N, C-alpha and C. Protein backbone atom coordinates (compact mmCIF):
# COMPACT_ATOMS: atom_id res chain seq x y z
N UNK A 1 0.83 -1.17 0.00
CA UNK A 1 0.00 0.00 0.00
C UNK A 1 0.89 1.24 0.00
N UNK A 2 0.59 2.15 -0.90
CA UNK A 2 1.38 3.37 -1.00
C UNK A 2 1.03 4.35 0.11
N UNK A 3 2.03 5.03 0.59
CA UNK A 3 1.85 6.05 1.63
C UNK A 3 1.99 7.42 0.96
N UNK A 4 0.87 8.03 0.62
CA UNK A 4 0.87 9.33 -0.01
C UNK A 4 0.03 10.26 0.85
N UNK A 5 0.65 11.28 1.37
CA UNK A 5 -0.06 12.18 2.27
C UNK A 5 -0.95 13.15 1.48
N UNK A 6 -1.98 13.61 2.15
CA UNK A 6 -2.87 14.59 1.52
C UNK A 6 -2.13 15.90 1.29
N UNK A 7 -1.14 16.22 2.13
CA UNK A 7 -0.38 17.46 1.92
C UNK A 7 0.47 17.36 0.64
N UNK A 8 1.00 16.17 0.36
CA UNK A 8 1.75 15.99 -0.89
C UNK A 8 0.83 16.20 -2.08
N UNK A 9 -0.36 15.63 -2.02
CA UNK A 9 -1.32 15.79 -3.13
C UNK A 9 -1.73 17.25 -3.29
N UNK A 10 -1.93 17.94 -2.18
CA UNK A 10 -2.29 19.37 -2.25
C UNK A 10 -1.17 20.18 -2.89
N UNK A 11 0.08 19.87 -2.53
CA UNK A 11 1.23 20.57 -3.13
C UNK A 11 1.31 20.28 -4.62
N UNK A 12 0.99 19.06 -5.02
CA UNK A 12 0.98 18.70 -6.44
C UNK A 12 -0.09 19.49 -7.19
N UNK A 13 -1.25 19.63 -6.58
CA UNK A 13 -2.34 20.39 -7.20
C UNK A 13 -1.92 21.84 -7.39
N UNK A 14 -1.12 22.36 -6.45
CA UNK A 14 -0.63 23.74 -6.55
C UNK A 14 0.56 23.85 -7.51
N UNK A 15 0.88 22.76 -8.19
CA UNK A 15 1.94 22.71 -9.21
C UNK A 15 3.35 22.87 -8.64
N UNK A 16 3.55 22.40 -7.41
CA UNK A 16 4.86 22.41 -6.78
C UNK A 16 5.69 21.30 -7.44
N UNK A 17 6.72 21.69 -8.19
CA UNK A 17 7.49 20.70 -8.97
C UNK A 17 8.22 19.69 -8.08
N UNK A 18 8.68 20.10 -6.92
CA UNK A 18 9.36 19.13 -6.05
C UNK A 18 8.36 18.10 -5.52
N UNK A 19 7.13 18.53 -5.24
CA UNK A 19 6.08 17.60 -4.80
C UNK A 19 5.70 16.66 -5.94
N UNK A 20 5.62 17.19 -7.15
CA UNK A 20 5.29 16.36 -8.31
C UNK A 20 6.36 15.30 -8.53
N UNK A 21 7.62 15.69 -8.38
CA UNK A 21 8.70 14.72 -8.52
C UNK A 21 8.63 13.67 -7.42
N UNK A 22 8.32 14.09 -6.22
CA UNK A 22 8.18 13.15 -5.09
C UNK A 22 7.04 12.16 -5.36
N UNK A 23 5.92 12.66 -5.85
CA UNK A 23 4.80 11.79 -6.17
C UNK A 23 5.18 10.81 -7.28
N UNK A 24 5.89 11.31 -8.30
CA UNK A 24 6.33 10.43 -9.38
C UNK A 24 7.23 9.32 -8.84
N UNK A 25 8.14 9.68 -7.94
CA UNK A 25 9.04 8.70 -7.35
C UNK A 25 8.27 7.63 -6.59
N UNK A 26 7.23 8.03 -5.89
CA UNK A 26 6.42 7.08 -5.12
C UNK A 26 5.61 6.18 -6.04
N UNK A 27 5.06 6.74 -7.12
CA UNK A 27 4.15 6.00 -8.00
C UNK A 27 4.85 5.21 -9.10
N UNK A 28 6.06 5.58 -9.48
CA UNK A 28 6.72 5.04 -10.66
C UNK A 28 6.71 3.51 -10.71
N UNK A 29 7.13 2.84 -9.67
CA UNK A 29 7.21 1.37 -9.69
C UNK A 29 5.83 0.73 -9.82
N UNK A 30 4.84 1.31 -9.15
CA UNK A 30 3.48 0.79 -9.25
C UNK A 30 2.96 0.93 -10.68
N UNK A 31 3.17 2.10 -11.27
CA UNK A 31 2.70 2.34 -12.64
C UNK A 31 3.44 1.44 -13.63
N UNK A 32 4.74 1.29 -13.45
CA UNK A 32 5.51 0.40 -14.33
C UNK A 32 5.03 -1.04 -14.22
N UNK A 33 4.70 -1.45 -13.02
CA UNK A 33 4.21 -2.81 -12.81
C UNK A 33 2.90 -3.04 -13.55
N UNK A 34 2.01 -2.08 -13.48
CA UNK A 34 0.74 -2.19 -14.21
C UNK A 34 1.00 -2.19 -15.71
N UNK A 35 1.83 -1.27 -16.18
CA UNK A 35 2.12 -1.18 -17.61
C UNK A 35 2.77 -2.46 -18.13
N UNK A 36 3.59 -3.09 -17.30
CA UNK A 36 4.29 -4.31 -17.73
C UNK A 36 3.31 -5.44 -18.03
N UNK A 37 2.19 -5.46 -17.33
CA UNK A 37 1.20 -6.51 -17.57
C UNK A 37 0.54 -6.37 -18.94
N UNK A 38 0.55 -5.18 -19.50
CA UNK A 38 -0.17 -4.93 -20.74
C UNK A 38 0.73 -4.68 -21.95
N UNK A 39 1.94 -4.23 -21.73
CA UNK A 39 2.82 -3.84 -22.84
C UNK A 39 4.17 -4.54 -22.72
N UNK A 40 4.60 -5.17 -23.82
CA UNK A 40 5.87 -5.89 -23.83
C UNK A 40 7.07 -4.96 -23.99
N UNK A 41 6.94 -3.95 -24.81
CA UNK A 41 8.05 -3.08 -25.16
C UNK A 41 8.43 -2.16 -24.00
N UNK A 42 9.69 -2.22 -23.58
CA UNK A 42 10.16 -1.46 -22.42
C UNK A 42 10.05 0.05 -22.65
N UNK A 43 10.45 0.51 -23.82
CA UNK A 43 10.40 1.95 -24.10
C UNK A 43 8.96 2.46 -24.15
N UNK A 44 8.08 1.67 -24.75
CA UNK A 44 6.67 2.07 -24.78
C UNK A 44 6.08 2.10 -23.38
N UNK A 45 6.45 1.13 -22.55
CA UNK A 45 5.97 1.11 -21.16
C UNK A 45 6.37 2.39 -20.44
N UNK A 46 7.63 2.77 -20.58
CA UNK A 46 8.11 3.98 -19.90
C UNK A 46 7.39 5.22 -20.41
N UNK A 47 7.18 5.28 -21.71
CA UNK A 47 6.46 6.42 -22.29
C UNK A 47 5.01 6.45 -21.78
N UNK A 48 4.39 5.28 -21.67
CA UNK A 48 3.02 5.21 -21.18
C UNK A 48 2.94 5.61 -19.71
N UNK A 49 3.94 5.23 -18.93
CA UNK A 49 3.97 5.64 -17.51
C UNK A 49 4.04 7.15 -17.42
N UNK A 50 4.89 7.76 -18.23
CA UNK A 50 5.00 9.22 -18.21
C UNK A 50 3.69 9.88 -18.64
N UNK A 51 3.05 9.33 -19.67
CA UNK A 51 1.77 9.88 -20.12
C UNK A 51 0.71 9.73 -19.03
N UNK A 52 0.68 8.58 -18.38
CA UNK A 52 -0.29 8.36 -17.30
C UNK A 52 -0.02 9.32 -16.14
N UNK A 53 1.25 9.52 -15.81
CA UNK A 53 1.56 10.42 -14.70
C UNK A 53 1.12 11.84 -15.01
N UNK A 54 1.29 12.27 -16.25
CA UNK A 54 0.81 13.60 -16.63
C UNK A 54 -0.71 13.70 -16.46
N UNK A 55 -1.42 12.64 -16.81
CA UNK A 55 -2.87 12.62 -16.63
C UNK A 55 -3.23 12.66 -15.14
N UNK A 56 -2.46 11.95 -14.34
CA UNK A 56 -2.69 11.96 -12.89
C UNK A 56 -2.56 13.38 -12.35
N UNK A 57 -1.48 14.05 -12.75
CA UNK A 57 -1.28 15.43 -12.29
C UNK A 57 -2.39 16.35 -12.79
N UNK A 58 -2.77 16.17 -14.04
CA UNK A 58 -3.80 17.01 -14.65
C UNK A 58 -5.16 16.85 -13.97
N UNK A 59 -5.49 15.63 -13.57
CA UNK A 59 -6.82 15.35 -13.02
C UNK A 59 -6.85 15.20 -11.50
N UNK A 60 -5.72 15.42 -10.86
CA UNK A 60 -5.63 15.27 -9.41
C UNK A 60 -6.62 16.17 -8.68
N UNK A 61 -6.84 17.36 -9.21
CA UNK A 61 -7.75 18.30 -8.59
C UNK A 61 -9.19 17.77 -8.60
N UNK A 62 -9.53 16.91 -9.55
CA UNK A 62 -10.89 16.36 -9.68
C UNK A 62 -11.07 15.02 -8.99
N UNK A 63 -9.99 14.47 -8.43
CA UNK A 63 -10.06 13.14 -7.79
C UNK A 63 -10.97 13.18 -6.57
N UNK A 64 -11.80 12.16 -6.45
CA UNK A 64 -12.65 12.01 -5.27
C UNK A 64 -11.73 11.80 -4.07
N UNK A 65 -11.81 12.68 -3.07
CA UNK A 65 -10.90 12.56 -1.93
C UNK A 65 -11.08 11.26 -1.14
N UNK A 66 -12.23 10.61 -1.27
CA UNK A 66 -12.48 9.36 -0.56
C UNK A 66 -11.95 8.14 -1.32
N UNK A 67 -11.66 8.32 -2.61
CA UNK A 67 -11.15 7.21 -3.42
C UNK A 67 -9.68 6.97 -3.10
N UNK A 68 -9.28 5.72 -2.93
CA UNK A 68 -7.87 5.42 -2.65
C UNK A 68 -6.99 5.87 -3.82
N UNK A 69 -5.95 6.59 -3.52
CA UNK A 69 -5.08 7.16 -4.56
C UNK A 69 -4.44 6.08 -5.42
N UNK A 70 -4.02 4.97 -4.81
CA UNK A 70 -3.35 3.92 -5.58
C UNK A 70 -4.30 3.31 -6.61
N UNK A 71 -5.51 3.00 -6.21
CA UNK A 71 -6.48 2.42 -7.15
C UNK A 71 -6.79 3.41 -8.27
N UNK A 72 -6.94 4.68 -7.92
CA UNK A 72 -7.23 5.71 -8.91
C UNK A 72 -6.09 5.82 -9.92
N UNK A 73 -4.84 5.81 -9.44
CA UNK A 73 -3.68 5.90 -10.32
C UNK A 73 -3.53 4.65 -11.19
N UNK A 74 -3.80 3.48 -10.62
CA UNK A 74 -3.75 2.24 -11.41
C UNK A 74 -4.76 2.29 -12.54
N UNK A 75 -5.94 2.79 -12.23
CA UNK A 75 -6.99 2.87 -13.25
C UNK A 75 -6.57 3.81 -14.38
N UNK A 76 -5.95 4.92 -14.04
CA UNK A 76 -5.46 5.84 -15.07
C UNK A 76 -4.38 5.17 -15.90
N UNK A 77 -3.49 4.40 -15.25
CA UNK A 77 -2.43 3.71 -15.99
C UNK A 77 -3.02 2.69 -16.95
N UNK A 78 -3.98 1.92 -16.48
CA UNK A 78 -4.62 0.91 -17.34
C UNK A 78 -5.29 1.59 -18.53
N UNK A 79 -6.05 2.63 -18.28
CA UNK A 79 -6.73 3.33 -19.36
C UNK A 79 -5.75 3.95 -20.35
N UNK A 80 -4.64 4.46 -19.85
CA UNK A 80 -3.62 5.04 -20.73
C UNK A 80 -3.05 3.97 -21.65
N UNK A 81 -2.70 2.82 -21.09
CA UNK A 81 -2.15 1.73 -21.91
C UNK A 81 -3.17 1.27 -22.95
N UNK A 82 -4.40 1.06 -22.51
CA UNK A 82 -5.43 0.59 -23.45
C UNK A 82 -5.68 1.61 -24.55
N UNK A 83 -5.71 2.88 -24.20
CA UNK A 83 -5.91 3.91 -25.22
C UNK A 83 -4.75 3.96 -26.21
N UNK A 84 -3.53 3.85 -25.71
CA UNK A 84 -2.36 3.84 -26.59
C UNK A 84 -2.40 2.63 -27.53
N UNK A 85 -2.75 1.47 -26.98
CA UNK A 85 -2.82 0.27 -27.82
C UNK A 85 -3.95 0.37 -28.83
N UNK A 86 -5.08 0.92 -28.42
CA UNK A 86 -6.20 1.09 -29.33
C UNK A 86 -5.81 2.03 -30.47
N UNK A 87 -5.16 3.15 -30.14
CA UNK A 87 -4.73 4.10 -31.15
C UNK A 87 -3.70 3.48 -32.09
N UNK A 88 -2.80 2.68 -31.55
CA UNK A 88 -1.80 2.00 -32.37
C UNK A 88 -2.45 1.00 -33.31
N UNK A 89 -3.42 0.25 -32.80
CA UNK A 89 -4.11 -0.73 -33.63
C UNK A 89 -4.89 -0.04 -34.75
N UNK A 90 -5.53 1.08 -34.43
CA UNK A 90 -6.26 1.83 -35.46
C UNK A 90 -5.31 2.37 -36.51
N UNK A 91 -4.18 2.90 -36.07
CA UNK A 91 -3.20 3.45 -37.00
C UNK A 91 -2.66 2.38 -37.94
N UNK A 92 -2.59 1.15 -37.46
CA UNK A 92 -2.10 0.04 -38.28
C UNK A 92 -3.23 -0.69 -39.00
N UNK A 93 -4.45 -0.17 -38.91
CA UNK A 93 -5.58 -0.77 -39.62
C UNK A 93 -6.04 -2.08 -39.03
N UNK A 94 -5.82 -2.27 -37.74
CA UNK A 94 -6.23 -3.51 -37.09
C UNK A 94 -7.38 -3.20 -36.15
N UNK A 95 -8.15 -4.22 -35.88
CA UNK A 95 -9.21 -4.10 -34.89
C UNK A 95 -8.99 -5.12 -33.80
N UNK A 96 -9.90 -5.18 -32.89
CA UNK A 96 -9.78 -6.17 -31.82
C UNK A 96 -10.36 -7.51 -32.21
N UNK A 97 -11.06 -7.59 -33.33
CA UNK A 97 -11.63 -8.86 -33.75
C UNK A 97 -12.95 -9.13 -33.08
N UNK A 98 -13.75 -9.95 -33.69
CA UNK A 98 -15.07 -10.27 -33.15
C UNK A 98 -15.21 -11.77 -33.04
N UNK A 99 -14.78 -12.32 -31.92
CA UNK A 99 -14.95 -13.75 -31.67
C UNK A 99 -16.37 -13.98 -31.19
N UNK A 100 -16.99 -15.02 -31.69
CA UNK A 100 -18.35 -15.30 -31.26
C UNK A 100 -18.42 -16.49 -30.31
N UNK A 101 -17.30 -17.11 -30.05
CA UNK A 101 -17.28 -18.24 -29.13
C UNK A 101 -17.55 -17.73 -27.71
N UNK A 102 -18.28 -18.48 -26.95
CA UNK A 102 -18.56 -18.14 -25.57
C UNK A 102 -17.73 -19.06 -24.69
N UNK A 103 -16.95 -18.46 -23.80
CA UNK A 103 -16.09 -19.25 -22.91
C UNK A 103 -16.92 -19.84 -21.79
N UNK A 104 -16.46 -20.96 -21.30
CA UNK A 104 -17.10 -21.60 -20.15
C UNK A 104 -16.66 -20.87 -18.90
N UNK A 105 -17.59 -20.18 -18.24
CA UNK A 105 -17.26 -19.41 -17.06
C UNK A 105 -16.87 -20.30 -15.89
N UNK A 106 -17.16 -21.58 -15.96
CA UNK A 106 -16.85 -22.48 -14.88
C UNK A 106 -15.62 -23.32 -15.16
N UNK A 107 -14.81 -22.89 -16.14
CA UNK A 107 -13.60 -23.63 -16.46
C UNK A 107 -12.62 -23.53 -15.29
N UNK A 108 -11.85 -24.57 -15.06
CA UNK A 108 -10.92 -24.53 -13.93
C UNK A 108 -9.88 -23.42 -14.12
N UNK A 109 -9.60 -22.70 -13.05
CA UNK A 109 -8.63 -21.61 -13.13
C UNK A 109 -7.37 -21.93 -12.35
N UNK A 110 -7.39 -22.91 -11.50
CA UNK A 110 -6.21 -23.24 -10.70
C UNK A 110 -5.19 -23.96 -11.56
N UNK A 111 -3.95 -23.74 -11.26
CA UNK A 111 -2.88 -24.39 -12.00
C UNK A 111 -2.30 -25.54 -11.20
N UNK A 112 -3.11 -26.09 -10.26
CA UNK A 112 -2.72 -27.26 -9.47
C UNK A 112 -1.37 -27.09 -8.79
N UNK A 113 -1.14 -25.94 -8.21
CA UNK A 113 0.10 -25.71 -7.48
C UNK A 113 1.30 -25.44 -8.37
N UNK A 114 1.10 -25.41 -9.67
CA UNK A 114 2.22 -25.20 -10.58
C UNK A 114 2.86 -23.84 -10.38
N UNK A 115 2.04 -22.85 -10.00
CA UNK A 115 2.58 -21.51 -9.82
C UNK A 115 3.63 -21.46 -8.72
N UNK A 116 3.60 -22.41 -7.80
CA UNK A 116 4.60 -22.44 -6.74
C UNK A 116 5.95 -22.93 -7.25
N UNK A 117 5.96 -23.61 -8.37
CA UNK A 117 7.20 -24.19 -8.88
C UNK A 117 7.92 -23.27 -9.87
N UNK A 118 7.31 -22.19 -10.24
CA UNK A 118 7.95 -21.29 -11.20
C UNK A 118 8.08 -19.91 -10.60
N UNK A 119 9.00 -19.16 -11.09
CA UNK A 119 9.29 -17.83 -10.58
C UNK A 119 8.39 -16.79 -11.24
N UNK A 120 8.28 -15.64 -10.58
CA UNK A 120 7.46 -14.54 -11.07
C UNK A 120 7.88 -14.12 -12.47
N UNK A 121 9.18 -14.04 -12.70
CA UNK A 121 9.67 -13.62 -14.02
C UNK A 121 9.24 -14.60 -15.11
N UNK A 122 9.20 -15.88 -14.78
CA UNK A 122 8.75 -16.87 -15.75
C UNK A 122 7.28 -16.66 -16.08
N UNK A 123 6.48 -16.35 -15.06
CA UNK A 123 5.07 -16.06 -15.31
C UNK A 123 4.91 -14.83 -16.18
N UNK A 124 5.70 -13.80 -15.90
CA UNK A 124 5.63 -12.59 -16.73
C UNK A 124 6.00 -12.91 -18.17
N UNK A 125 7.02 -13.74 -18.34
CA UNK A 125 7.43 -14.12 -19.69
C UNK A 125 6.29 -14.87 -20.40
N UNK A 126 5.62 -15.75 -19.67
CA UNK A 126 4.49 -16.48 -20.25
C UNK A 126 3.37 -15.51 -20.64
N UNK A 127 3.09 -14.56 -19.77
CA UNK A 127 2.06 -13.56 -20.07
C UNK A 127 2.44 -12.75 -21.30
N UNK A 128 3.74 -12.43 -21.44
CA UNK A 128 4.21 -11.66 -22.58
C UNK A 128 4.04 -12.42 -23.89
N UNK A 129 3.99 -13.74 -23.81
CA UNK A 129 3.82 -14.55 -25.02
C UNK A 129 2.38 -14.55 -25.53
N UNK A 130 1.44 -14.10 -24.70
CA UNK A 130 0.05 -14.04 -25.14
C UNK A 130 -0.12 -12.91 -26.15
N UNK A 131 -1.06 -13.06 -27.09
CA UNK A 131 -1.35 -11.94 -27.99
C UNK A 131 -1.77 -10.70 -27.19
N UNK A 132 -1.47 -9.53 -27.70
CA UNK A 132 -1.68 -8.27 -26.98
C UNK A 132 -3.09 -8.12 -26.44
N UNK A 133 -4.09 -8.32 -27.26
CA UNK A 133 -5.47 -8.13 -26.82
C UNK A 133 -5.86 -9.19 -25.80
N UNK A 134 -5.47 -10.42 -26.03
CA UNK A 134 -5.76 -11.50 -25.08
C UNK A 134 -5.13 -11.21 -23.73
N UNK A 135 -3.88 -10.75 -23.74
CA UNK A 135 -3.18 -10.41 -22.50
C UNK A 135 -3.91 -9.26 -21.79
N UNK A 136 -4.32 -8.25 -22.54
CA UNK A 136 -5.01 -7.10 -21.94
C UNK A 136 -6.33 -7.53 -21.31
N UNK A 137 -7.13 -8.30 -22.04
CA UNK A 137 -8.43 -8.74 -21.51
C UNK A 137 -8.22 -9.62 -20.28
N UNK A 138 -7.26 -10.55 -20.34
CA UNK A 138 -7.00 -11.43 -19.20
C UNK A 138 -6.58 -10.61 -17.98
N UNK A 139 -5.68 -9.66 -18.17
CA UNK A 139 -5.25 -8.81 -17.06
C UNK A 139 -6.41 -8.03 -16.47
N UNK A 140 -7.23 -7.44 -17.32
CA UNK A 140 -8.36 -6.67 -16.83
C UNK A 140 -9.31 -7.54 -16.02
N UNK A 141 -9.55 -8.74 -16.50
CA UNK A 141 -10.51 -9.64 -15.84
C UNK A 141 -9.91 -10.32 -14.61
N UNK A 142 -8.80 -11.01 -14.81
CA UNK A 142 -8.26 -11.87 -13.75
C UNK A 142 -7.45 -11.11 -12.69
N UNK A 143 -6.79 -10.05 -13.10
CA UNK A 143 -5.92 -9.36 -12.15
C UNK A 143 -6.55 -8.07 -11.63
N UNK A 144 -7.13 -7.29 -12.53
CA UNK A 144 -7.69 -6.01 -12.13
C UNK A 144 -9.16 -6.09 -11.71
N UNK A 145 -9.78 -7.25 -11.91
CA UNK A 145 -11.13 -7.47 -11.40
C UNK A 145 -12.26 -6.82 -12.17
N UNK A 146 -12.03 -6.47 -13.43
CA UNK A 146 -13.09 -5.88 -14.23
C UNK A 146 -14.08 -6.96 -14.63
N UNK A 147 -15.32 -6.57 -14.87
CA UNK A 147 -16.36 -7.47 -15.37
C UNK A 147 -16.29 -7.48 -16.90
N UNK A 148 -16.79 -8.56 -17.50
CA UNK A 148 -16.75 -8.68 -18.96
C UNK A 148 -17.50 -7.52 -19.63
N UNK A 149 -18.58 -7.08 -19.03
CA UNK A 149 -19.35 -5.98 -19.60
C UNK A 149 -18.50 -4.71 -19.67
N UNK A 150 -17.76 -4.44 -18.61
CA UNK A 150 -16.90 -3.26 -18.55
C UNK A 150 -15.74 -3.37 -19.55
N UNK A 151 -15.16 -4.55 -19.64
CA UNK A 151 -14.07 -4.78 -20.60
C UNK A 151 -14.58 -4.58 -22.02
N UNK A 152 -15.73 -5.16 -22.30
CA UNK A 152 -16.31 -5.06 -23.64
C UNK A 152 -16.56 -3.60 -24.01
N UNK A 153 -17.11 -2.84 -23.10
CA UNK A 153 -17.40 -1.43 -23.38
C UNK A 153 -16.11 -0.64 -23.58
N UNK A 154 -15.11 -0.91 -22.77
CA UNK A 154 -13.85 -0.17 -22.86
C UNK A 154 -13.09 -0.48 -24.14
N UNK A 155 -13.07 -1.74 -24.54
CA UNK A 155 -12.30 -2.16 -25.72
C UNK A 155 -13.13 -2.15 -27.00
N UNK A 156 -14.42 -1.94 -26.89
CA UNK A 156 -15.26 -1.95 -28.09
C UNK A 156 -15.43 -3.33 -28.67
N UNK A 157 -15.54 -4.34 -27.80
CA UNK A 157 -15.75 -5.71 -28.23
C UNK A 157 -17.01 -6.23 -27.54
N UNK A 158 -17.47 -7.40 -27.93
CA UNK A 158 -18.64 -7.97 -27.28
C UNK A 158 -18.22 -8.66 -25.98
N UNK A 159 -19.19 -8.90 -25.12
CA UNK A 159 -18.91 -9.63 -23.88
C UNK A 159 -18.42 -11.04 -24.21
N UNK A 160 -19.00 -11.65 -25.24
CA UNK A 160 -18.57 -12.99 -25.66
C UNK A 160 -17.12 -13.00 -26.10
N UNK A 161 -16.68 -11.94 -26.78
CA UNK A 161 -15.28 -11.84 -27.20
C UNK A 161 -14.38 -11.70 -25.99
N UNK A 162 -14.83 -10.92 -25.01
CA UNK A 162 -14.07 -10.76 -23.78
C UNK A 162 -13.91 -12.12 -23.09
N UNK A 163 -15.00 -12.87 -22.99
CA UNK A 163 -14.96 -14.19 -22.36
C UNK A 163 -14.05 -15.13 -23.15
N UNK A 164 -14.10 -15.02 -24.47
CA UNK A 164 -13.25 -15.87 -25.30
C UNK A 164 -11.78 -15.59 -25.02
N UNK A 165 -11.42 -14.32 -24.94
CA UNK A 165 -10.02 -13.96 -24.69
C UNK A 165 -9.54 -14.50 -23.33
N UNK A 166 -10.40 -14.42 -22.32
CA UNK A 166 -10.03 -14.94 -21.00
C UNK A 166 -9.83 -16.45 -21.08
N UNK A 167 -10.74 -17.12 -21.73
CA UNK A 167 -10.64 -18.57 -21.89
C UNK A 167 -9.38 -18.95 -22.68
N UNK A 168 -9.14 -18.21 -23.75
CA UNK A 168 -7.97 -18.47 -24.59
C UNK A 168 -6.68 -18.25 -23.78
N UNK A 169 -6.64 -17.19 -22.98
CA UNK A 169 -5.46 -16.92 -22.15
C UNK A 169 -5.25 -18.03 -21.14
N UNK A 170 -6.32 -18.46 -20.49
CA UNK A 170 -6.21 -19.54 -19.51
C UNK A 170 -5.66 -20.80 -20.15
N UNK A 171 -6.21 -21.14 -21.30
CA UNK A 171 -5.77 -22.35 -22.00
C UNK A 171 -4.30 -22.23 -22.40
N UNK A 172 -3.92 -21.08 -22.96
CA UNK A 172 -2.53 -20.89 -23.39
C UNK A 172 -1.58 -20.93 -22.20
N UNK A 173 -1.97 -20.29 -21.10
CA UNK A 173 -1.11 -20.28 -19.91
C UNK A 173 -1.00 -21.69 -19.31
N UNK A 174 -2.09 -22.43 -19.32
CA UNK A 174 -2.04 -23.80 -18.81
C UNK A 174 -1.10 -24.66 -19.67
N UNK A 175 -1.15 -24.46 -21.00
CA UNK A 175 -0.25 -25.20 -21.89
C UNK A 175 1.20 -24.81 -21.62
N UNK A 176 1.46 -23.51 -21.46
CA UNK A 176 2.83 -23.05 -21.19
C UNK A 176 3.32 -23.59 -19.84
N UNK A 177 2.44 -23.59 -18.85
CA UNK A 177 2.81 -24.14 -17.54
C UNK A 177 3.10 -25.64 -17.65
N UNK A 178 2.28 -26.33 -18.43
CA UNK A 178 2.51 -27.76 -18.64
C UNK A 178 3.86 -28.02 -19.28
N UNK A 179 4.20 -27.22 -20.30
CA UNK A 179 5.50 -27.36 -20.95
C UNK A 179 6.63 -27.11 -19.95
N UNK A 180 6.47 -26.06 -19.17
CA UNK A 180 7.50 -25.69 -18.18
C UNK A 180 7.67 -26.79 -17.14
N UNK A 181 6.57 -27.33 -16.66
CA UNK A 181 6.64 -28.38 -15.65
C UNK A 181 7.25 -29.66 -16.22
N UNK A 182 6.89 -29.99 -17.47
CA UNK A 182 7.48 -31.17 -18.10
C UNK A 182 8.99 -31.01 -18.23
N UNK A 183 9.45 -29.83 -18.65
CA UNK A 183 10.89 -29.62 -18.79
C UNK A 183 11.56 -29.61 -17.41
N UNK A 184 10.88 -29.08 -16.41
CA UNK A 184 11.41 -29.09 -15.05
C UNK A 184 11.57 -30.52 -14.52
N UNK A 185 10.55 -31.35 -14.79
CA UNK A 185 10.61 -32.74 -14.35
C UNK A 185 11.71 -33.51 -15.07
N UNK A 186 11.89 -33.23 -16.38
CA UNK A 186 12.95 -33.90 -17.13
C UNK A 186 14.32 -33.56 -16.56
N UNK A 187 14.51 -32.32 -16.16
CA UNK A 187 15.78 -31.91 -15.57
C UNK A 187 16.01 -32.59 -14.23
N UNK A 188 14.96 -32.77 -13.45
CA UNK A 188 15.08 -33.39 -12.13
C UNK A 188 15.36 -34.88 -12.25
N UNK A 189 14.80 -35.51 -13.30
CA UNK A 189 14.99 -36.94 -13.49
C UNK A 189 16.37 -37.23 -14.05
N UNK A 190 16.84 -36.38 -14.93
CA UNK A 190 18.14 -36.61 -15.58
C UNK A 190 19.32 -36.47 -14.67
């Protein structure tokens, strides 16, 4: 949990550059962590963090004082990344696609303890191997707790497409975990 005082936020609203730098220092790792879940490219992630931080400073005066600052900043970071990716996809003439398959909402989500056998960096690498939109939808749903309806509205896709991406991500991650565990077991046996 981030420790950000109301006096620091007030100084930022008054455009105190030292306070703004202090806030950036406090938020930077959190924002980078969120951006890393959605964007593979390191330089793009850093640029998106800077863009999100500018939005945070710009809208800080309008922030609900009762809303937790960390959640509010994470939401801005997520929206910044999604907007950048959406703009990039439009510029390249791509869309998010319209899958009509409906995922089974009761599909198993546990990895049977496999997550205990692999390191965080390995999981990040597996997530990075997912297609961009699938990774974004999975992160929004499984990690950030968004509902399919909210994801669909934000990304301009159907709820069924959102469910499909989550199902596809789960299946792909389970396959990657299976491969990793098989190679781990082969090393232990050899």
